Structures are given as structure tokens and as C-alpha cells.
Amino acid sequence: MLLCARILNLKPIGGTHIRAVFFVTHSQKTKTVSGLGDVCFVKSPEDRCETTNRGHLTVS
């Protein structure tokens, strides 16, 4: 198990960027990355976070 903080700039369909800071746990056994952290929606990657939501991230 590896626990670390990651800053992710995600670009979903629709043009809204998601900036996320997650404490990520990486599992070698299941080959997945999951974490719980703060998520905010911004119009461009350079924007500051106005609102922050608690979110969960899972990546296979």
C-alpha cells in the first residue's frame, strides 16, 4: 500500500476542469488507485478553487 497526496487536473467532457487533491492509496494486488479528497470545479486549470467538495476517486 502506498499513501500519497496527488494533485490532479482532470478535463471532463463539457469544458469544465476538475482540480482534485487526493490522498491516494495504490493497491498492487487489484491494480487500482483510489482515494478520498477535495474536489473543486474550475473553468480553466489556472483558476483558483472557489468551492470545494469532498469526493472519492477510483482509477483502474
PDB file of N, CA and C in Angstrom:
ATOM      1  N   MET A   1       0.841  -1.199   0.000  1.00  0.00           N
ATOM      2  CA  MET A   1       0.000   0.000   0.000  1.00  0.00           C
ATOM      3  C   MET A   1       0.877   1.250   0.000  1.00  0.00           C
ATOM      4  N   LEU A   2       0.557   2.158  -0.880  1.00  0.00           N
ATOM      5  CA  LEU A   2       1.290   3.411  -0.977  1.00  0.00           C
ATOM      6  C   LEU A   2       0.307   4.550  -0.750  1.00  0.00           C
ATOM      7  N   LEU A   3       0.599   5.396   0.222  1.00  0.00           N
ATOM      8  CA  LEU A   3      -0.289   6.513   0.533  1.00  0.00           C
ATOM      9  C   LEU A   3       0.429   7.810   0.220  1.00  0.00           C
ATOM     10  N   CYS A   4      -0.172   8.631  -0.631  1.00  0.00           N
ATOM     11  CA  CYS A   4       0.471   9.878  -1.001  1.00  0.00           C
ATOM     12  C   CYS A   4      -0.576  10.884  -1.436  1.00  0.00           C
ATOM     13  N   ALA A   5      -0.169  12.132  -1.535  1.00  0.00           N
ATOM     14  CA  ALA A   5      -1.076  13.198  -1.991  1.00  0.00           C
ATOM     15  C   ALA A   5      -0.805  13.470  -3.454  1.00  0.00           C
ATOM     16  N   ARG A   6      -1.858  13.571  -4.230  1.00  0.00           N
ATOM     17  CA  ARG A   6      -1.729  13.845  -5.650  1.00  0.00           C
ATOM     18  C   ARG A   6      -2.589  15.050  -5.995  1.00  0.00           C
ATOM     19  N   ILE A   7      -2.089  15.885  -6.879  1.00  0.00           N
ATOM     20  CA  ILE A   7      -2.895  16.970  -7.426  1.00  0.00           C
ATOM     21  C   ILE A   7      -3.212  16.612  -8.869  1.00  0.00           C
ATOM     22  N   LEU A   8      -4.484  16.485  -9.167  1.00  0.00           N
ATOM     23  CA  LEU A   8      -4.907  16.057 -10.487  1.00  0.00           C
ATOM     24  C   LEU A   8      -5.666  17.177 -11.179  1.00  0.00           C
ATOM     25  N   ASN A   9      -5.350  17.411 -12.422  1.00  0.00           N
ATOM     26  CA  ASN A   9      -6.148  18.315 -13.246  1.00  0.00           C
ATOM     27  C   ASN A   9      -6.874  17.464 -14.274  1.00  0.00           C
ATOM     28  N   LEU A  10      -8.153  17.246 -14.043  1.00  0.00           N
ATOM     29  CA  LEU A  10      -8.944  16.397 -14.910  1.00  0.00           C
ATOM     30  C   LEU A  10      -9.784  17.269 -15.830  1.00  0.00           C
ATOM     31  N   LYS A  11      -9.960  16.838 -17.065  1.00  0.00           N
ATOM     32  CA  LYS A  11     -10.732  17.616 -18.038  1.00  0.00           C
ATOM     33  C   LYS A  11     -11.884  16.773 -18.565  1.00  0.00           C
ATOM     34  N   PRO A  12     -13.040  16.848 -17.923  1.00  0.00           N
ATOM     35  CA  PRO A  12     -14.178  16.059 -18.386  1.00  0.00           C
ATOM     36  C   PRO A  12     -14.839  16.680 -19.609  1.00  0.00           C
ATOM     37  N   ILE A  13     -15.732  15.931 -20.215  1.00  0.00           N
ATOM     38  CA  ILE A  13     -16.488  16.434 -21.368  1.00  0.00           C
ATOM     39  C   ILE A  13     -17.348  17.613 -20.913  1.00  0.00           C
ATOM     40  N   GLY A  14     -17.354  18.667 -21.680  1.00  0.00           N
ATOM     41  CA  GLY A  14     -18.150  19.824 -21.331  1.00  0.00           C
ATOM     42  C   GLY A  14     -17.290  21.053 -21.064  1.00  0.00           C
ATOM     43  N   GLY A  15     -15.980  20.864 -20.939  1.00  0.00           N
ATOM     44  CA  GLY A  15     -15.084  22.002 -20.817  1.00  0.00           C
ATOM     45  C   GLY A  15     -14.772  22.442 -19.401  1.00  0.00           C
ATOM     46  N   THR A  16     -15.475  21.894 -18.404  1.00  0.00           N
ATOM     47  CA  THR A  16     -15.191  22.266 -17.025  1.00  0.00           C
ATOM     48  C   THR A  16     -14.023  21.435 -16.519  1.00  0.00           C
ATOM     49  N   HIS A  17     -13.049  22.101 -15.930  1.00  0.00           N
ATOM     50  CA  HIS A  17     -11.899  21.387 -15.388  1.00  0.00           C
ATOM     51  C   HIS A  17     -12.177  21.018 -13.943  1.00  0.00           C
ATOM     52  N   ILE A  18     -11.660  19.901 -13.541  1.00  0.00           N
ATOM     53  CA  ILE A  18     -11.771  19.480 -12.149  1.00  0.00           C
ATOM     54  C   ILE A  18     -10.366  19.457 -11.563  1.00  0.00           C
ATOM     55  N   ARG A  19     -10.160  20.196 -10.495  1.00  0.00           N
ATOM     56  CA  ARG A  19      -8.881  20.133  -9.793  1.00  0.00           C
ATOM     57  C   ARG A  19      -9.104  19.342  -8.520  1.00  0.00           C
ATOM     58  N   ALA A  20      -8.317  18.315  -8.320  1.00  0.00           N
ATOM     59  CA  ALA A  20      -8.537  17.439  -7.185  1.00  0.00           C
ATOM     60  C   ALA A  20      -7.239  17.209  -6.428  1.00  0.00           C
ATOM     61  N   VAL A  21      -7.331  17.266  -5.129  1.00  0.00           N
ATOM     62  CA  VAL A  21      -6.208  16.887  -4.277  1.00  0.00           C
ATOM     63  C   VAL A  21      -6.661  15.658  -3.502  1.00  0.00           C
ATOM     64  N   PHE A  22      -6.034  14.547  -3.781  1.00  0.00           N
ATOM     65  CA  PHE A  22      -6.448  13.292  -3.174  1.00  0.00           C
ATOM     66  C   PHE A  22      -5.312  12.662  -2.384  1.00  0.00           C
ATOM     67  N   PHE A  23      -5.672  12.052  -1.281  1.00  0.00           N
ATOM     68  CA  PHE A  23      -4.750  11.159  -0.604  1.00  0.00           C
ATOM     69  C   PHE A  23      -5.007   9.786  -1.193  1.00  0.00           C
ATOM     70  N   VAL A  24      -4.033   9.318  -1.971  1.00  0.00           N
ATOM     71  CA  VAL A  24      -4.264   8.180  -2.851  1.00  0.00           C
ATOM     72  C   VAL A  24      -3.647   6.918  -2.269  1.00  0.00           C
ATOM     73  N   THR A  25      -4.421   5.860  -2.313  1.00  0.00           N
ATOM     74  CA  THR A  25      -3.923   4.547  -1.940  1.00  0.00           C
ATOM     75  C   THR A  25      -3.817   3.696  -3.201  1.00  0.00           C
ATOM     76  N   HIS A  26      -2.625   3.167  -3.434  1.00  0.00           N
ATOM     77  CA  HIS A  26      -2.412   2.347  -4.626  1.00  0.00           C
ATOM     78  C   HIS A  26      -2.303   0.894  -4.209  1.00  0.00           C
ATOM     79  N   SER A  27      -3.132   0.061  -4.810  1.00  0.00           N
ATOM     80  CA  SER A  27      -3.127  -1.361  -4.495  1.00  0.00           C
ATOM     81  C   SER A  27      -2.478  -2.150  -5.625  1.00  0.00           C
ATOM     82  N   GLN A  28      -1.369  -2.794  -5.328  1.00  0.00           N
ATOM     83  CA  GLN A  28      -0.705  -3.614  -6.341  1.00  0.00           C
ATOM     84  C   GLN A  28      -1.528  -4.864  -6.656  1.00  0.00           C
ATOM     85  N   LYS A  29      -2.242  -5.342  -5.653  1.00  0.00           N
ATOM     86  CA  LYS A  29      -2.990  -6.586  -5.834  1.00  0.00           C
ATOM     87  C   LYS A  29      -4.145  -6.417  -6.819  1.00  0.00           C
ATOM     88  N   THR A  30      -4.915  -5.344  -6.663  1.00  0.00           N
ATOM     89  CA  THR A  30      -6.083  -5.154  -7.522  1.00  0.00           C
ATOM     90  C   THR A  30      -5.808  -4.211  -8.686  1.00  0.00           C
ATOM     91  N   LYS A  31      -4.570  -3.651  -8.744  1.00  0.00           N
ATOM     92  CA  LYS A  31      -4.188  -2.745  -9.829  1.00  0.00           C
ATOM     93  C   LYS A  31      -5.107  -1.520  -9.917  1.00  0.00           C
ATOM     94  N   THR A  32      -5.588  -1.051  -8.791  1.00  0.00           N
ATOM     95  CA  THR A  32      -6.448   0.119  -8.789  1.00  0.00           C
ATOM     96  C   THR A  32      -5.856   1.211  -7.906  1.00  0.00           C
ATOM     97  N   VAL A  33      -6.227   2.424  -8.211  1.00  0.00           N
ATOM     98  CA  VAL A  33      -5.842   3.576  -7.394  1.00  0.00           C
ATOM     99  C   VAL A  33      -7.132   4.213  -6.895  1.00  0.00           C
ATOM    100  N   SER A  34      -7.218   4.404  -5.586  1.00  0.00           N
ATOM    101  CA  SER A  34      -8.421   5.028  -5.056  1.00  0.00           C
ATOM    102  C   SER A  34      -8.033   6.009  -3.963  1.00  0.00           C
ATOM    103  N   GLY A  35      -8.896   6.965  -3.715  1.00  0.00           N
ATOM    104  CA  GLY A  35      -8.575   7.943  -2.694  1.00  0.00           C
ATOM    105  C   GLY A  35      -9.761   8.811  -2.345  1.00  0.00           C
ATOM    106  N   LEU A  36      -9.633   9.514  -1.235  1.00  0.00           N
ATOM    107  CA  LEU A  36     -10.654  10.438  -0.781  1.00  0.00           C
ATOM    108  C   LEU A  36     -10.006  11.800  -0.641  1.00  0.00           C
ATOM    109  N   GLY A  37     -10.645  12.825  -1.178  1.00  0.00           N
ATOM    110  CA  GLY A  37     -10.001  14.122  -1.114  1.00  0.00           C
ATOM    111  C   GLY A  37     -10.928  15.261  -1.455  1.00  0.00           C
ATOM    112  N   ASP A  38     -10.340  16.421  -1.691  1.00  0.00           N
ATOM    113  CA  ASP A  38     -11.088  17.626  -2.002  1.00  0.00           C
ATOM    114  C   ASP A  38     -11.150  17.836  -3.510  1.00  0.00           C
ATOM    115  N   VAL A  39     -12.330  18.131  -3.999  1.00  0.00           N
ATOM    116  CA  VAL A  39     -12.542  18.326  -5.435  1.00  0.00           C
ATOM    117  C   VAL A  39     -13.145  19.705  -5.650  1.00  0.00           C
ATOM    118  N   CYS A  40     -12.638  20.421  -6.635  1.00  0.00           N
ATOM    119  CA  CYS A  40     -13.273  21.687  -6.996  1.00  0.00           C
ATOM    120  C   CYS A  40     -13.366  21.785  -8.504  1.00  0.00           C
ATOM    121  N   PHE A  41     -14.356  22.530  -8.971  1.00  0.00           N
ATOM    122  CA  PHE A  41     -14.604  22.689 -10.394  1.00  0.00           C
ATOM    123  C   PHE A  41     -14.183  24.090 -10.816  1.00  0.00           C
ATOM    124  N   VAL A  42     -13.351  24.167 -11.843  1.00  0.00           N
ATOM    125  CA  VAL A  42     -12.849  25.456 -12.321  1.00  0.00           C
ATOM    126  C   VAL A  42     -13.027  25.526 -13.831  1.00  0.00           C
ATOM    127  N   LYS A  43     -13.101  26.738 -14.355  1.00  0.00           N
ATOM    128  CA  LYS A  43     -13.305  26.899 -15.801  1.00  0.00           C
ATOM    129  C   LYS A  43     -12.018  26.688 -16.590  1.00  0.00           C
ATOM    130  N   SER A  44     -10.869  26.945 -15.964  1.00  0.00           N
ATOM    131  CA  SER A  44      -9.585  26.669 -16.605  1.00  0.00           C
ATOM    132  C   SER A  44      -8.618  26.183 -15.533  1.00  0.00           C
ATOM    133  N   PRO A  45      -7.573  25.451 -15.925  1.00  0.00           N
ATOM    134  CA  PRO A  45      -6.650  24.888 -14.937  1.00  0.00           C
ATOM    135  C   PRO A  45      -5.958  25.943 -14.076  1.00  0.00           C
ATOM    136  N   GLU A  46      -5.902  27.188 -14.555  1.00  0.00           N
ATOM    137  CA  GLU A  46      -5.209  28.227 -13.799  1.00  0.00           C
ATOM    138  C   GLU A  46      -6.107  28.880 -12.750  1.00  0.00           C
ATOM    139  N   ASP A  47      -7.408  28.639 -12.823  1.00  0.00           N
ATOM    140  CA  ASP A  47      -8.337  29.267 -11.890  1.00  0.00           C
ATOM    141  C   ASP A  47      -8.133  28.754 -10.468  1.00  0.00           C
ATOM    142  N   ARG A  48      -8.476  29.625  -9.515  1.00  0.00           N
ATOM    143  CA  ARG A  48      -8.428  29.214  -8.118  1.00  0.00           C
ATOM    144  C   ARG A  48      -9.729  28.502  -7.755  1.00  0.00           C
ATOM    145  N   CYS A  49      -9.646  27.657  -6.733  1.00  0.00           N
ATOM    146  CA  CYS A  49     -10.841  26.943  -6.293  1.00  0.00           C
ATOM    147  C   CYS A  49     -11.726  27.888  -5.500  1.00  0.00           C
ATOM    148  N   GLU A  50     -12.974  27.998  -5.935  1.00  0.00           N
ATOM    149  CA  GLU A  50     -13.942  28.809  -5.200  1.00  0.00           C
ATOM    150  C   GLU A  50     -14.716  27.934  -4.214  1.00  0.00           C
ATOM    151  N   THR A  51     -15.181  26.807  -4.700  1.00  0.00           N
ATOM    152  CA  THR A  51     -15.903  25.885  -3.832  1.00  0.00           C
ATOM    153  C   THR A  51     -15.194  24.545  -3.845  1.00  0.00           C
ATOM    154  N   THR A  52     -15.219  23.870  -2.729  1.00  0.00           N
ATOM    155  CA  THR A  52     -14.549  22.581  -2.599  1.00  0.00           C
ATOM    156  C   THR A  52     -15.549  21.553  -2.096  1.00  0.00           C
ATOM    157  N   ASN A  53     -15.521  20.401  -2.706  1.00  0.00           N
ATOM    158  CA  ASN A  53     -16.395  19.312  -2.298  1.00  0.00           C
ATOM    159  C   ASN A  53     -15.542  18.092  -1.948  1.00  0.00           C
ATOM    160  N   ARG A  54     -16.017  17.340  -0.997  1.00  0.00           N
ATOM    161  CA  ARG A  54     -15.352  16.093  -0.646  1.00  0.00           C
ATOM    162  C   ARG A  54     -15.731  15.059  -1.692  1.00  0.00           C
ATOM    163  N   GLY A  55     -14.734  14.382  -2.241  1.00  0.00           N
ATOM    164  CA  GLY A  55     -15.019  13.440  -3.309  1.00  0.00           C
ATOM    165  C   GLY A  55     -14.184  12.181  -3.199  1.00  0.00           C
ATOM    166  N   HIS A  56     -14.572  11.196  -3.954  1.00  0.00           N
ATOM    167  CA  HIS A  56     -13.855   9.915  -3.968  1.00  0.00           C
ATOM    168  C   HIS A  56     -13.415   9.600  -5.379  1.00  0.00           C
ATOM    169  N   LEU A  57     -12.202   9.105  -5.508  1.00  0.00           N
ATOM    170  CA  LEU A  57     -11.617   8.820  -6.810  1.00  0.00           C
ATOM    171  C   LEU A  57     -11.203   7.358  -6.872  1.00  0.00           C
ATOM    172  N   THR A  58     -11.585   6.692  -7.950  1.00  0.00           N
ATOM    173  CA  THR A  58     -11.117   5.331  -8.189  1.00  0.00           C
ATOM    174  C   THR A  58     -10.693   5.209  -9.643  1.00  0.00           C
ATOM    175  N   VAL A  59      -9.472   4.740  -9.866  1.00  0.00           N
ATOM    176  CA  VAL A  59      -8.953   4.551 -11.212  1.00  0.00           C
ATOM    177  C   VAL A  59      -8.424   3.135 -11.326  1.00  0.00           C
ATOM    178  N   SER A  60      -8.869   2.408 -12.346  1.00  0.00           N
ATOM    179  CA  SER A  60      -8.383   1.041 -12.553  1.00  0.00           C
ATOM    180  C   SER A  60      -7.189   1.080 -13.466  1.00  0.00           C
TER     181      SER A  60
END
